[in-house]
């Protein structure tokens, strides 16, 4: 099992729940900065999940264009269903952010005067 799959299976609910914006804001001092950090991490999680899923599904891919060879593969369906049941990357990123598992820093060059 990949590191990401183990991280995801850490009892994170796949249902969206309301979060206290004051708590999110308190991490950086700016709500919009906190949301930007969560969004960037969510993007990273989404990309790695897609790569992992495509790599697993490529094992089942046939490289012929014949319609006769297309058949239902139960393992492939189970893999797809497992990924569909996973929590949304935004939920995962928010949970990581609230648990201080995301490293972030403010770049002084990005500040406007």
PDB file of N, CA and C in Angstrom:
ATOM      1  N   UNK A   1       0.847  -1.174   0.000  1.00  0.00           N
ATOM      2  CA  UNK A   1       0.000   0.000   0.000  1.00  0.00           C
ATOM      3  C   UNK A   1       0.894   1.240   0.000  1.00  0.00           C
ATOM      4  N   UNK A   2       0.550   2.182  -0.821  1.00  0.00           N
ATOM      5  CA  UNK A   2       1.378   3.367  -0.947  1.00  0.00           C
ATOM      6  C   UNK A   2       1.269   4.240   0.296  1.00  0.00           C
ATOM      7  N   UNK A   3       2.235   5.119   0.440  1.00  0.00           N
ATOM      8  CA  UNK A   3       2.258   6.037   1.573  1.00  0.00           C
ATOM      9  C   UNK A   3       1.011   6.914   1.577  1.00  0.00           C
ATOM     10  N   UNK A   4       0.605   7.353   0.404  1.00  0.00           N
ATOM     11  CA  UNK A   4      -0.569   8.208   0.296  1.00  0.00           C
ATOM     12  C   UNK A   4      -1.835   7.450   0.682  1.00  0.00           C
ATOM     13  N   UNK A   5      -1.961   6.205   0.252  1.00  0.00           N
ATOM     14  CA  UNK A   5      -3.154   5.411   0.598  1.00  0.00           C
ATOM     15  C   UNK A   5      -3.219   5.182   2.107  1.00  0.00           C
ATOM     16  N   UNK A   6      -2.071   4.957   2.750  1.00  0.00           N
ATOM     17  CA  UNK A   6      -2.064   4.786   4.203  1.00  0.00           C
ATOM     18  C   UNK A   6      -2.484   6.070   4.892  1.00  0.00           C
ATOM     19  N   UNK A   7      -2.018   7.180   4.360  1.00  0.00           N
ATOM     20  CA  UNK A   7      -2.367   8.480   4.916  1.00  0.00           C
ATOM     21  C   UNK A   7      -3.866   8.735   4.774  1.00  0.00           C
ATOM     22  N   UNK A   8      -4.419   8.359   3.645  1.00  0.00           N
ATOM     23  CA  UNK A   8      -5.834   8.580   3.382  1.00  0.00           C
ATOM     24  C   UNK A   8      -6.695   7.694   4.268  1.00  0.00           C
ATOM     25  N   UNK A   9      -6.218   6.505   4.548  1.00  0.00           N
ATOM     26  CA  UNK A   9      -7.018   5.588   5.356  1.00  0.00           C
ATOM     27  C   UNK A   9      -6.917   5.898   6.846  1.00  0.00           C
ATOM     28  N   UNK A  10      -6.440   7.082   7.195  1.00  0.00           N
ATOM     29  CA  UNK A  10      -6.282   7.466   8.595  1.00  0.00           C
ATOM     30  C   UNK A  10      -7.580   8.026   9.168  1.00  0.00           C
ATOM     31  N   UNK A  11      -8.699   7.373   8.861  1.00  0.00           N
ATOM     32  CA  UNK A  11     -10.013   7.701   9.414  1.00  0.00           C
ATOM     33  C   UNK A  11     -10.454   9.129   9.138  1.00  0.00           C
ATOM     34  N   UNK A  12     -10.254   9.591   7.924  1.00  0.00           N
ATOM     35  CA  UNK A  12     -10.755  10.894   7.524  1.00  0.00           C
ATOM     36  C   UNK A  12     -12.094  10.672   6.842  1.00  0.00           C
ATOM     37  N   UNK A  13     -13.090  11.385   7.290  1.00  0.00           N
ATOM     38  CA  UNK A  13     -14.432  11.236   6.745  1.00  0.00           C
ATOM     39  C   UNK A  13     -14.483  11.727   5.311  1.00  0.00           C
ATOM     40  N   UNK A  14     -15.247  11.034   4.481  1.00  0.00           N
ATOM     41  CA  UNK A  14     -15.379  11.454   3.095  1.00  0.00           C
ATOM     42  C   UNK A  14     -16.568  12.388   2.903  1.00  0.00           C
ATOM     43  N   UNK A  15     -17.158  12.826   4.013  1.00  0.00           N
ATOM     44  CA  UNK A  15     -18.291  13.738   3.983  1.00  0.00           C
ATOM     45  C   UNK A  15     -17.797  15.129   4.397  1.00  0.00           C
ATOM     46  N   UNK A  16     -18.188  16.139   3.649  1.00  0.00           N
ATOM     47  CA  UNK A  16     -17.791  17.507   3.969  1.00  0.00           C
ATOM     48  C   UNK A  16     -18.467  17.963   5.260  1.00  0.00           C
ATOM     49  N   UNK A  17     -17.673  18.533   6.135  1.00  0.00           N
ATOM     50  CA  UNK A  17     -18.186  19.050   7.403  1.00  0.00           C
ATOM     51  C   UNK A  17     -17.785  20.515   7.522  1.00  0.00           C
ATOM     52  N   UNK A  18     -18.584  21.284   8.241  1.00  0.00           N
ATOM     53  CA  UNK A  18     -18.243  22.692   8.411  1.00  0.00           C
ATOM     54  C   UNK A  18     -17.024  22.822   9.320  1.00  0.00           C
ATOM     55  N   UNK A  19     -16.211  23.791   9.016  1.00  0.00           N
ATOM     56  CA  UNK A  19     -15.016  24.059   9.811  1.00  0.00           C
ATOM     57  C   UNK A  19     -15.116  25.467  10.371  1.00  0.00           C
ATOM     58  N   UNK A  20     -14.506  25.673  11.510  1.00  0.00           N
ATOM     59  CA  UNK A  20     -14.490  26.994  12.122  1.00  0.00           C
ATOM     60  C   UNK A  20     -13.461  27.854  11.398  1.00  0.00           C
ATOM     61  N   UNK A  21     -13.926  28.909  10.762  1.00  0.00           N
ATOM     62  CA  UNK A  21     -13.027  29.764   9.987  1.00  0.00           C
ATOM     63  C   UNK A  21     -12.002  30.465  10.872  1.00  0.00           C
ATOM     64  N   UNK A  22     -12.344  30.682  12.129  1.00  0.00           N
ATOM     65  CA  UNK A  22     -11.397  31.318  13.054  1.00  0.00           C
ATOM     66  C   UNK A  22     -10.179  30.423  13.279  1.00  0.00           C
ATOM     67  N   UNK A  23     -10.414  29.125  13.339  1.00  0.00           N
ATOM     68  CA  UNK A  23      -9.305  28.180  13.527  1.00  0.00           C
ATOM     69  C   UNK A  23      -8.418  28.160  12.283  1.00  0.00           C
ATOM     70  N   UNK A  24      -9.047  28.146  11.114  1.00  0.00           N
ATOM     71  CA  UNK A  24      -8.287  28.142   9.863  1.00  0.00           C
ATOM     72  C   UNK A  24      -7.486  29.436   9.731  1.00  0.00           C
ATOM     73  N   UNK A  25      -8.102  30.547  10.077  1.00  0.00           N
ATOM     74  CA  UNK A  25      -7.431  31.845   9.990  1.00  0.00           C
ATOM     75  C   UNK A  25      -6.278  31.943  10.985  1.00  0.00           C
ATOM     76  N   UNK A  26      -6.442  31.344  12.155  1.00  0.00           N
ATOM     77  CA  UNK A  26      -5.427  31.464  13.200  1.00  0.00           C
ATOM     78  C   UNK A  26      -4.097  30.812  12.819  1.00  0.00           C
ATOM     79  N   UNK A  27      -4.109  29.900  11.879  1.00  0.00           N
ATOM     80  CA  UNK A  27      -2.875  29.207  11.487  1.00  0.00           C
ATOM     81  C   UNK A  27      -1.908  30.144  10.761  1.00  0.00           C
ATOM     82  N   UNK A  28      -2.434  31.075   9.969  1.00  0.00           N
ATOM     83  CA  UNK A  28      -1.567  31.979   9.208  1.00  0.00           C
ATOM     84  C   UNK A  28      -1.822  33.444   9.521  1.00  0.00           C
ATOM     85  N   UNK A  29      -2.948  33.744  10.137  1.00  0.00           N
ATOM     86  CA  UNK A  29      -3.306  35.123  10.395  1.00  0.00           C
ATOM     87  C   UNK A  29      -4.154  35.724   9.286  1.00  0.00           C
ATOM     88  N   UNK A  30      -4.339  34.978   8.200  1.00  0.00           N
ATOM     89  CA  UNK A  30      -5.111  35.469   7.065  1.00  0.00           C
ATOM     90  C   UNK A  30      -5.904  34.297   6.504  1.00  0.00           C
ATOM     91  N   UNK A  31      -7.217  34.436   6.465  1.00  0.00           N
ATOM     92  CA  UNK A  31      -8.072  33.358   5.997  1.00  0.00           C
ATOM     93  C   UNK A  31      -7.771  32.977   4.555  1.00  0.00           C
ATOM     94  N   UNK A  32      -7.583  33.971   3.692  1.00  0.00           N
ATOM     95  CA  UNK A  32      -7.354  33.704   2.276  1.00  0.00           C
ATOM     96  C   UNK A  32      -6.001  33.033   2.037  1.00  0.00           C
ATOM     97  N   UNK A  33      -5.028  33.387   2.833  1.00  0.00           N
ATOM     98  CA  UNK A  33      -3.722  32.721   2.733  1.00  0.00           C
ATOM     99  C   UNK A  33      -3.837  31.256   3.151  1.00  0.00           C
ATOM    100  N   UNK A  34      -4.589  31.005   4.209  1.00  0.00           N
ATOM    101  CA  UNK A  34      -4.801  29.632   4.664  1.00  0.00           C
ATOM    102  C   UNK A  34      -5.508  28.811   3.597  1.00  0.00           C
ATOM    103  N   UNK A  35      -6.531  29.402   2.980  1.00  0.00           N
ATOM    104  CA  UNK A  35      -7.275  28.693   1.935  1.00  0.00           C
ATOM    105  C   UNK A  35      -6.389  28.432   0.729  1.00  0.00           C
ATOM    106  N   UNK A  36      -5.507  29.369   0.398  1.00  0.00           N
ATOM    107  CA  UNK A  36      -4.578  29.170  -0.718  1.00  0.00           C
ATOM    108  C   UNK A  36      -3.626  28.012  -0.432  1.00  0.00           C
ATOM    109  N   UNK A  37      -3.163  27.903   0.796  1.00  0.00           N
ATOM    110  CA  UNK A  37      -2.272  26.807   1.182  1.00  0.00           C
ATOM    111  C   UNK A  37      -3.010  25.476   1.074  1.00  0.00           C
ATOM    112  N   UNK A  38      -4.241  25.444   1.559  1.00  0.00           N
ATOM    113  CA  UNK A  38      -5.049  24.223   1.477  1.00  0.00           C
ATOM    114  C   UNK A  38      -5.290  23.848   0.017  1.00  0.00           C
ATOM    115  N   UNK A  39      -5.571  24.835  -0.824  1.00  0.00           N
ATOM    116  CA  UNK A  39      -5.833  24.569  -2.247  1.00  0.00           C
ATOM    117  C   UNK A  39      -4.598  24.007  -2.941  1.00  0.00           C
ATOM    118  N   UNK A  40      -3.427  24.546  -2.647  1.00  0.00           N
ATOM    119  CA  UNK A  40      -2.191  24.038  -3.267  1.00  0.00           C
ATOM    120  C   UNK A  40      -1.926  22.602  -2.840  1.00  0.00           C
ATOM    121  N   UNK A  41      -2.132  22.308  -1.563  1.00  0.00           N
ATOM    122  CA  UNK A  41      -1.914  20.944  -1.081  1.00  0.00           C
ATOM    123  C   UNK A  41      -2.950  19.995  -1.679  1.00  0.00           C
ATOM    124  N   UNK A  42      -4.176  20.456  -1.810  1.00  0.00           N
ATOM    125  CA  UNK A  42      -5.228  19.653  -2.419  1.00  0.00           C
ATOM    126  C   UNK A  42      -4.858  19.288  -3.849  1.00  0.00           C
ATOM    127  N   UNK A  43      -4.314  20.228  -4.566  1.00  0.00           N
ATOM    128  CA  UNK A  43      -3.852  19.981  -5.937  1.00  0.00           C
ATOM    129  C   UNK A  43      -2.762  18.914  -5.965  1.00  0.00           C
ATOM    130  N   UNK A  44      -1.817  18.999  -5.036  1.00  0.00           N
ATOM    131  CA  UNK A  44      -0.738  18.010  -4.961  1.00  0.00           C
ATOM    132  C   UNK A  44      -1.298  16.613  -4.691  1.00  0.00           C
ATOM    133  N   UNK A  45      -2.224  16.523  -3.754  1.00  0.00           N
ATOM    134  CA  UNK A  45      -2.828  15.226  -3.428  1.00  0.00           C
ATOM    135  C   UNK A  45      -3.569  14.670  -4.627  1.00  0.00           C
ATOM    136  N   UNK A  46      -4.331  15.528  -5.304  1.00  0.00           N
ATOM    137  CA  UNK A  46      -5.109  15.105  -6.460  1.00  0.00           C
ATOM    138  C   UNK A  46      -4.198  14.570  -7.569  1.00  0.00           C
ATOM    139  N   UNK A  47      -3.112  15.256  -7.838  1.00  0.00           N
ATOM    140  CA  UNK A  47      -2.184  14.820  -8.886  1.00  0.00           C
ATOM    141  C   UNK A  47      -1.570  13.466  -8.537  1.00  0.00           C
ATOM    142  N   UNK A  48      -1.148  13.298  -7.291  1.00  0.00           N
ATOM    143  CA  UNK A  48      -0.514  12.024  -6.921  1.00  0.00           C
ATOM    144  C   UNK A  48      -1.531  10.878  -6.917  1.00  0.00           C
ATOM    145  N   UNK A  49      -2.781  11.164  -6.516  1.00  0.00           N
ATOM    146  CA  UNK A  49      -3.808  10.120  -6.574  1.00  0.00           C
ATOM    147  C   UNK A  49      -4.099   9.705  -8.011  1.00  0.00           C
ATOM    148  N   UNK A  50      -4.182  10.672  -8.907  1.00  0.00           N
ATOM    149  CA  UNK A  50      -4.433  10.355 -10.314  1.00  0.00           C
ATOM    150  C   UNK A  50      -3.298   9.528 -10.898  1.00  0.00           C
ATOM    151  N   UNK A  51      -2.059   9.908 -10.594  1.00  0.00           N
ATOM    152  CA  UNK A  51      -0.915   9.144 -11.100  1.00  0.00           C
ATOM    153  C   UNK A  51      -0.946   7.718 -10.577  1.00  0.00           C
ATOM    154  N   UNK A  52      -1.220   7.579  -9.291  1.00  0.00           N
ATOM    155  CA  UNK A  52      -1.260   6.252  -8.680  1.00  0.00           C
ATOM    156  C   UNK A  52      -2.372   5.400  -9.293  1.00  0.00           C
ATOM    157  N   UNK A  53      -3.545   5.980  -9.490  1.00  0.00           N
ATOM    158  CA  UNK A  53      -4.665   5.258 -10.084  1.00  0.00           C
ATOM    159  C   UNK A  53      -4.365   4.858 -11.518  1.00  0.00           C
ATOM    160  N   UNK A  54      -3.830   5.786 -12.290  1.00  0.00           N
ATOM    161  CA  UNK A  54      -3.520   5.471 -13.689  1.00  0.00           C
ATOM    162  C   UNK A  54      -2.440   4.396 -13.793  1.00  0.00           C
ATOM    163  N   UNK A  55      -1.460   4.425 -12.904  1.00  0.00           N
ATOM    164  CA  UNK A  55      -0.431   3.381 -12.913  1.00  0.00           C
ATOM    165  C   UNK A  55      -1.035   2.011 -12.611  1.00  0.00           C
ATOM    166  N   UNK A  56      -1.961   1.960 -11.668  1.00  0.00           N
ATOM    167  CA  UNK A  56      -2.591   0.679 -11.342  1.00  0.00           C
ATOM    168  C   UNK A  56      -3.488   0.198 -12.475  1.00  0.00           C
ATOM    169  N   UNK A  57      -4.210   1.115 -13.105  1.00  0.00           N
ATOM    170  CA  UNK A  57      -5.112   0.725 -14.183  1.00  0.00           C
ATOM    171  C   UNK A  57      -4.361   0.392 -15.468  1.00  0.00           C
ATOM    172  N   UNK A  58      -3.159   0.932 -15.635  1.00  0.00           N
ATOM    173  CA  UNK A  58      -2.354   0.614 -16.817  1.00  0.00           C
ATOM    174  C   UNK A  58      -1.955  -0.855 -16.847  1.00  0.00           C
ATOM    175  N   UNK A  59      -1.907  -1.489 -15.684  1.00  0.00           N
ATOM    176  CA  UNK A  59      -1.582  -2.915 -15.636  1.00  0.00           C
ATOM    177  C   UNK A  59      -2.641  -3.751 -16.351  1.00  0.00           C
ATOM    178  N   UNK A  60      -3.862  -3.238 -16.386  1.00  0.00           N
ATOM    179  CA  UNK A  60      -4.957  -3.974 -16.996  1.00  0.00           C
ATOM    180  C   UNK A  60      -5.211  -3.567 -18.443  1.00  0.00           C
ATOM    181  N   UNK A  61      -4.529  -2.539 -18.888  1.00  0.00           N
ATOM    182  CA  UNK A  61      -4.793  -2.005 -20.226  1.00  0.00           C
ATOM    183  C   UNK A  61      -4.313  -2.980 -21.298  1.00  0.00           C
ATOM    184  N   UNK A  62      -5.120  -3.097 -22.333  1.00  0.00           N
ATOM    185  CA  UNK A  62      -4.714  -3.866 -23.502  1.00  0.00           C
ATOM    186  C   UNK A  62      -4.391  -2.863 -24.594  1.00  0.00           C
ATOM    187  N   UNK A  63      -3.382  -3.150 -25.344  1.00  0.00           N
ATOM    188  CA  UNK A  63      -2.925  -2.208 -26.357  1.00  0.00           C
ATOM    189  C   UNK A  63      -3.384  -2.603 -27.753  1.00  0.00           C
ATOM    190  N   UNK A  64      -4.487  -3.309 -27.803  1.00  0.00           N
ATOM    191  CA  UNK A  64      -5.070  -3.645 -29.095  1.00  0.00           C
ATOM    192  C   UNK A  64      -6.397  -2.913 -29.223  1.00  0.00           C
ATOM    193  N   UNK A  65      -6.796  -2.613 -30.434  1.00  0.00           N
ATOM    194  CA  UNK A  65      -8.010  -1.857 -30.671  1.00  0.00           C
ATOM    195  C   UNK A  65      -9.204  -2.753 -30.988  1.00  0.00           C
ATOM    196  N   UNK A  66      -9.075  -4.002 -30.751  1.00  0.00           N
ATOM    197  CA  UNK A  66     -10.137  -4.950 -31.064  1.00  0.00           C
ATOM    198  C   UNK A  66     -11.247  -4.880 -30.020  1.00  0.00           C
ATOM    199  N   UNK A  67     -12.480  -4.761 -30.475  1.00  0.00           N
ATOM    200  CA  UNK A  67     -13.617  -4.726 -29.568  1.00  0.00           C
ATOM    201  C   UNK A  67     -13.895  -6.091 -28.959  1.00  0.00           C
ATOM    202  N   UNK A  68     -13.438  -7.132 -29.595  1.00  0.00           N
ATOM    203  CA  UNK A  68     -13.670  -8.483 -29.093  1.00  0.00           C
ATOM    204  C   UNK A  68     -12.919  -8.741 -27.792  1.00  0.00           C
ATOM    205  N   UNK A  69     -11.806  -8.044 -27.585  1.00  0.00           N
ATOM    206  CA  UNK A  69     -10.975  -8.310 -26.423  1.00  0.00           C
ATOM    207  C   UNK A  69     -11.355  -7.477 -25.202  1.00  0.00           C
ATOM    208  N   UNK A  70     -12.317  -6.588 -25.346  1.00  0.00           N
ATOM    209  CA  UNK A  70     -12.742  -5.778 -24.214  1.00  0.00           C
ATOM    210  C   UNK A  70     -13.663  -6.624 -23.351  1.00  0.00           C
ATOM    211  N   UNK A  71     -13.291  -6.780 -22.110  1.00  0.00           N
ATOM    212  CA  UNK A  71     -14.093  -7.568 -21.186  1.00  0.00           C
ATOM    213  C   UNK A  71     -14.062  -6.922 -19.807  1.00  0.00           C
ATOM    214  N   UNK A  72     -14.960  -7.332 -18.982  1.00  0.00           N
ATOM    215  CA  UNK A  72     -15.075  -6.777 -17.638  1.00  0.00           C
ATOM    216  C   UNK A  72     -14.016  -7.396 -16.739  1.00  0.00           C
ATOM    217  N   UNK A  73     -13.207  -6.562 -16.134  1.00  0.00           N
ATOM    218  CA  UNK A  73     -12.180  -7.030 -15.231  1.00  0.00           C
ATOM    219  C   UNK A  73     -12.570  -6.622 -13.814  1.00  0.00           C
ATOM    220  N   UNK A  74     -12.869  -7.592 -12.979  1.00  0.00           N
ATOM    221  CA  UNK A  74     -13.367  -7.307 -11.633  1.00  0.00           C
ATOM    222  C   UNK A  74     -12.321  -6.612 -10.767  1.00  0.00           C
ATOM    223  N   UNK A  75     -11.064  -6.951 -10.922  1.00  0.00           N
ATOM    224  CA  UNK A  75     -10.015  -6.288 -10.146  1.00  0.00           C
ATOM    225  C   UNK A  75      -9.938  -4.811 -10.499  1.00  0.00           C
ATOM    226  N   UNK A  76     -10.040  -4.518 -11.759  1.00  0.00           N
ATOM    227  CA  UNK A  76      -9.991  -3.133 -12.223  1.00  0.00           C
ATOM    228  C   UNK A  76     -11.175  -2.342 -11.656  1.00  0.00           C
ATOM    229  N   UNK A  77     -12.331  -2.947 -11.637  1.00  0.00           N
ATOM    230  CA  UNK A  77     -13.520  -2.284 -11.098  1.00  0.00           C
ATOM    231  C   UNK A  77     -13.362  -2.036  -9.600  1.00  0.00           C
ATOM    232  N   UNK A  78     -12.821  -2.985  -8.870  1.00  0.00           N
ATOM    233  CA  UNK A  78     -12.617  -2.816  -7.432  1.00  0.00           C
ATOM    234  C   UNK A  78     -11.621  -1.710  -7.128  1.00  0.00           C
ATOM    235  N   UNK A  79     -10.562  -1.617  -7.914  1.00  0.00           N
ATOM    236  CA  UNK A  79      -9.587  -0.540  -7.730  1.00  0.00           C
ATOM    237  C   UNK A  79     -10.255   0.807  -7.955  1.00  0.00           C
ATOM    238  N   UNK A  80     -11.031   0.906  -9.017  1.00  0.00           N
ATOM    239  CA  UNK A  80     -11.722   2.161  -9.315  1.00  0.00           C
ATOM    240  C   UNK A  80     -12.698   2.531  -8.203  1.00  0.00           C
ATOM    241  N   UNK A  81     -13.434   1.559  -7.697  1.00  0.00           N
ATOM    242  CA  UNK A  81     -14.377   1.834  -6.616  1.00  0.00           C
ATOM    243  C   UNK A  81     -13.671   2.274  -5.345  1.00  0.00           C
ATOM    244  N   UNK A  82     -12.522   1.675  -5.055  1.00  0.00           N
ATOM    245  CA  UNK A  82     -11.771   2.061  -3.857  1.00  0.00           C
ATOM    246  C   UNK A  82     -11.346   3.520  -3.941  1.00  0.00           C
ATOM    247  N   UNK A  83     -10.913   3.944  -5.118  1.00  0.00           N
ATOM    248  CA  UNK A  83     -10.505   5.339  -5.277  1.00  0.00           C
ATOM    249  C   UNK A  83     -11.706   6.275  -5.239  1.00  0.00           C
ATOM    250  N   UNK A  84     -12.857   5.818  -5.694  1.00  0.00           N
ATOM    251  CA  UNK A  84     -14.062   6.645  -5.635  1.00  0.00           C
ATOM    252  C   UNK A  84     -14.531   6.845  -4.203  1.00  0.00           C
ATOM    253  N   UNK A  85     -14.287   5.871  -3.332  1.00  0.00           N
ATOM    254  CA  UNK A  85     -14.711   5.976  -1.936  1.00  0.00           C
ATOM    255  C   UNK A  85     -13.773   6.838  -1.100  1.00  0.00           C
ATOM    256  N   UNK A  86     -12.620   7.161  -1.632  1.00  0.00           N
ATOM    257  CA  UNK A  86     -11.661   7.974  -0.877  1.00  0.00           C
ATOM    258  C   UNK A  86     -12.193   9.382  -0.669  1.00  0.00           C
ATOM    259  N   UNK A  87     -11.770  10.022   0.412  1.00  0.00           N
ATOM    260  CA  UNK A  87     -12.195  11.403   0.641  1.00  0.00           C
ATOM    261  C   UNK A  87     -11.664  12.330  -0.447  1.00  0.00           C
ATOM    262  N   UNK A  88     -12.377  13.403  -0.648  1.00  0.00           N
ATOM    263  CA  UNK A  88     -11.988  14.426  -1.606  1.00  0.00           C
ATOM    264  C   UNK A  88     -10.623  15.005  -1.213  1.00  0.00           C
ATOM    265  N   UNK A  89      -9.742  15.290  -2.182  1.00  0.00           N
ATOM    266  CA  UNK A  89      -8.438  15.867  -1.853  1.00  0.00           C
ATOM    267  C   UNK A  89      -8.528  17.167  -1.050  1.00  0.00           C
ATOM    268  N   UNK A  90      -9.561  17.953  -1.263  1.00  0.00           N
ATOM    269  CA  UNK A  90      -9.727  19.191  -0.488  1.00  0.00           C
ATOM    270  C   UNK A  90      -9.989  18.877   0.986  1.00  0.00           C
ATOM    271  N   UNK A  91     -10.746  17.820   1.259  1.00  0.00           N
ATOM    272  CA  UNK A  91     -10.991  17.414   2.642  1.00  0.00           C
ATOM    273  C   UNK A  91      -9.706  16.916   3.301  1.00  0.00           C
ATOM    274  N   UNK A  92      -8.929  16.160   2.539  1.00  0.00           N
ATOM    275  CA  UNK A  92      -7.654  15.663   3.060  1.00  0.00           C
ATOM    276  C   UNK A  92      -6.704  16.820   3.361  1.00  0.00           C
ATOM    277  N   UNK A  93      -6.626  17.769   2.439  1.00  0.00           N
ATOM    278  CA  UNK A  93      -5.724  18.906   2.616  1.00  0.00           C
ATOM    279  C   UNK A  93      -6.153  19.760   3.801  1.00  0.00           C
ATOM    280  N   UNK A  94      -7.444  19.953   3.969  1.00  0.00           N
ATOM    281  CA  UNK A  94      -7.940  20.737   5.101  1.00  0.00           C
ATOM    282  C   UNK A  94      -7.594  20.056   6.415  1.00  0.00           C
ATOM    283  N   UNK A  95      -7.773  18.744   6.460  1.00  0.00           N
ATOM    284  CA  UNK A  95      -7.439  18.002   7.676  1.00  0.00           C
ATOM    285  C   UNK A  95      -5.947  18.086   7.981  1.00  0.00           C
ATOM    286  N   UNK A  96      -5.115  17.943   6.962  1.00  0.00           N
ATOM    287  CA  UNK A  96      -3.667  18.069   7.151  1.00  0.00           C
ATOM    288  C   UNK A  96      -3.314  19.453   7.664  1.00  0.00           C
ATOM    289  N   UNK A  97      -3.948  20.477   7.106  1.00  0.00           N
ATOM    290  CA  UNK A  97      -3.663  21.852   7.504  1.00  0.00           C
ATOM    291  C   UNK A  97      -4.040  22.074   8.962  1.00  0.00           C
ATOM    292  N   UNK A  98      -5.201  21.584   9.357  1.00  0.00           N
ATOM    293  CA  UNK A  98      -5.650  21.770  10.735  1.00  0.00           C
ATOM    294  C   UNK A  98      -4.798  20.987  11.730  1.00  0.00           C
ATOM    295  N   UNK A  99      -4.187  19.898  11.276  1.00  0.00           N
ATOM    296  CA  UNK A  99      -3.318  19.093  12.144  1.00  0.00           C
ATOM    297  C   UNK A  99      -1.852  19.511  12.042  1.00  0.00           C
ATOM    298  N   UNK A 100      -1.590  20.639  11.389  1.00  0.00           N
ATOM    299  CA  UNK A 100      -0.225  21.177  11.214  1.00  0.00           C
ATOM    300  C   UNK A 100       0.719  20.192  10.533  1.00  0.00           C
ATOM    301  N   UNK A 101       0.220  19.461   9.561  1.00  0.00           N
ATOM    302  CA  UNK A 101       1.041  18.506   8.819  1.00  0.00           C
ATOM    303  C   UNK A 101       1.544  19.089   7.502  1.00  0.00           C
ATOM    304  N   UNK A 102       1.177  20.337   7.215  1.00  0.00           N
ATOM    305  CA  UNK A 102       1.605  20.990   5.977  1.00  0.00           C
ATOM    306  C   UNK A 102       2.636  22.048   6.331  1.00  0.00           C
ATOM    307  N   UNK A 103       3.793  21.955   5.690  1.00  0.00           N
ATOM    308  CA  UNK A 103       4.822  22.977   5.879  1.00  0.00           C
ATOM    309  C   UNK A 103       4.544  24.107   4.897  1.00  0.00           C
ATOM    310  N   UNK A 104       4.491  25.307   5.413  1.00  0.00           N
ATOM    311  CA  UNK A 104       4.300  26.477   4.557  1.00  0.00           C
ATOM    312  C   UNK A 104       5.116  27.627   5.126  1.00  0.00           C
ATOM    313  N   UNK A 105       5.520  28.503   4.239  1.00  0.00           N
ATOM    314  CA  UNK A 105       6.256  29.686   4.668  1.00  0.00           C
ATOM    315  C   UNK A 105       5.879  30.838   3.761  1.00  0.00           C
ATOM    316  N   UNK A 106       6.075  32.026   4.260  1.00  0.00           N
ATOM    317  CA  UNK A 106       5.750  33.223   3.504  1.00  0.00           C
ATOM    318  C   UNK A 106       7.021  33.697   2.805  1.00  0.00           C
ATOM    319  N   UNK A 107       6.933  33.869   1.514  1.00  0.00           N
ATOM    320  CA  UNK A 107       8.072  34.337   0.732  1.00  0.00           C
ATOM    321  C   UNK A 107       8.074  35.861   0.736  1.00  0.00           C
ATOM    322  N   UNK A 108       9.156  36.463   1.224  1.00  0.00           N
ATOM    323  CA  UNK A 108       9.230  37.918   1.322  1.00  0.00           C
ATOM    324  C   UNK A 108       9.196  38.590  -0.039  1.00  0.00           C
ATOM    325  N   UNK A 109       9.623  37.891  -1.081  1.00  0.00           N
ATOM    326  CA  UNK A 109       9.626  38.463  -2.429  1.00  0.00           C
ATOM    327  C   UNK A 109       8.234  38.610  -2.998  1.00  0.00           C
ATOM    328  N   UNK A 110       7.269  37.868  -2.466  1.00  0.00           N
ATOM    329  CA  UNK A 110       5.900  37.910  -2.975  1.00  0.00           C
ATOM    330  C   UNK A 110       5.081  39.040  -2.380  1.00  0.00           C
ATOM    331  N   UNK A 111       5.613  39.734  -1.394  1.00  0.00           N
ATOM    332  CA  UNK A 111       4.865  40.804  -0.737  1.00  0.00           C
ATOM    333  C   UNK A 111       4.862  42.062  -1.596  1.00  0.00           C
ATOM    334  N   UNK A 112       3.734  42.706  -1.634  1.00  0.00           N
ATOM    335  CA  UNK A 112       3.612  43.952  -2.374  1.00  0.00           C
ATOM    336  C   UNK A 112       3.683  45.125  -1.405  1.00  0.00           C
ATOM    337  N   UNK A 113       4.270  46.201  -1.810  1.00  0.00           N
ATOM    338  CA  UNK A 113       4.395  47.380  -0.947  1.00  0.00           C
ATOM    339  C   UNK A 113       3.211  48.291  -1.106  1.00  0.00           C
TER     340      UNK A 113
END
